[in-house]
């Protein structure tokens, strides 16, 4: 465990970060994983869940970045919580070109 660092009157305390969180740093799927963490509670509401799924389908169908994001999420699926794996598997299985822009 690292000791706090003092910079003038400010003290910086380091916190433990799970390796699974660090896995996504600077990766194409990073923002999707982060957003899903923030919206976890919303996913229990059927209407919100469908809206989020539709948004992700459009993102995954994006001609510029969609494929990289999809492939990154597929490759790192084991690094996300089980609830997120279940949510993403369904979307990642679908044909991204079926999404409406």
Foldseek 3Di string as FASTA:
>chain_A
DDDWDDDPPDTHDDDDDDVLLVVLPPALQNVVLVVCVVCVVVCVDVVSVVVVLLVLLQCLLDPPRNVRNLVVCVVSVVSHDPVVSVSVVVSSVDDSNVRDD
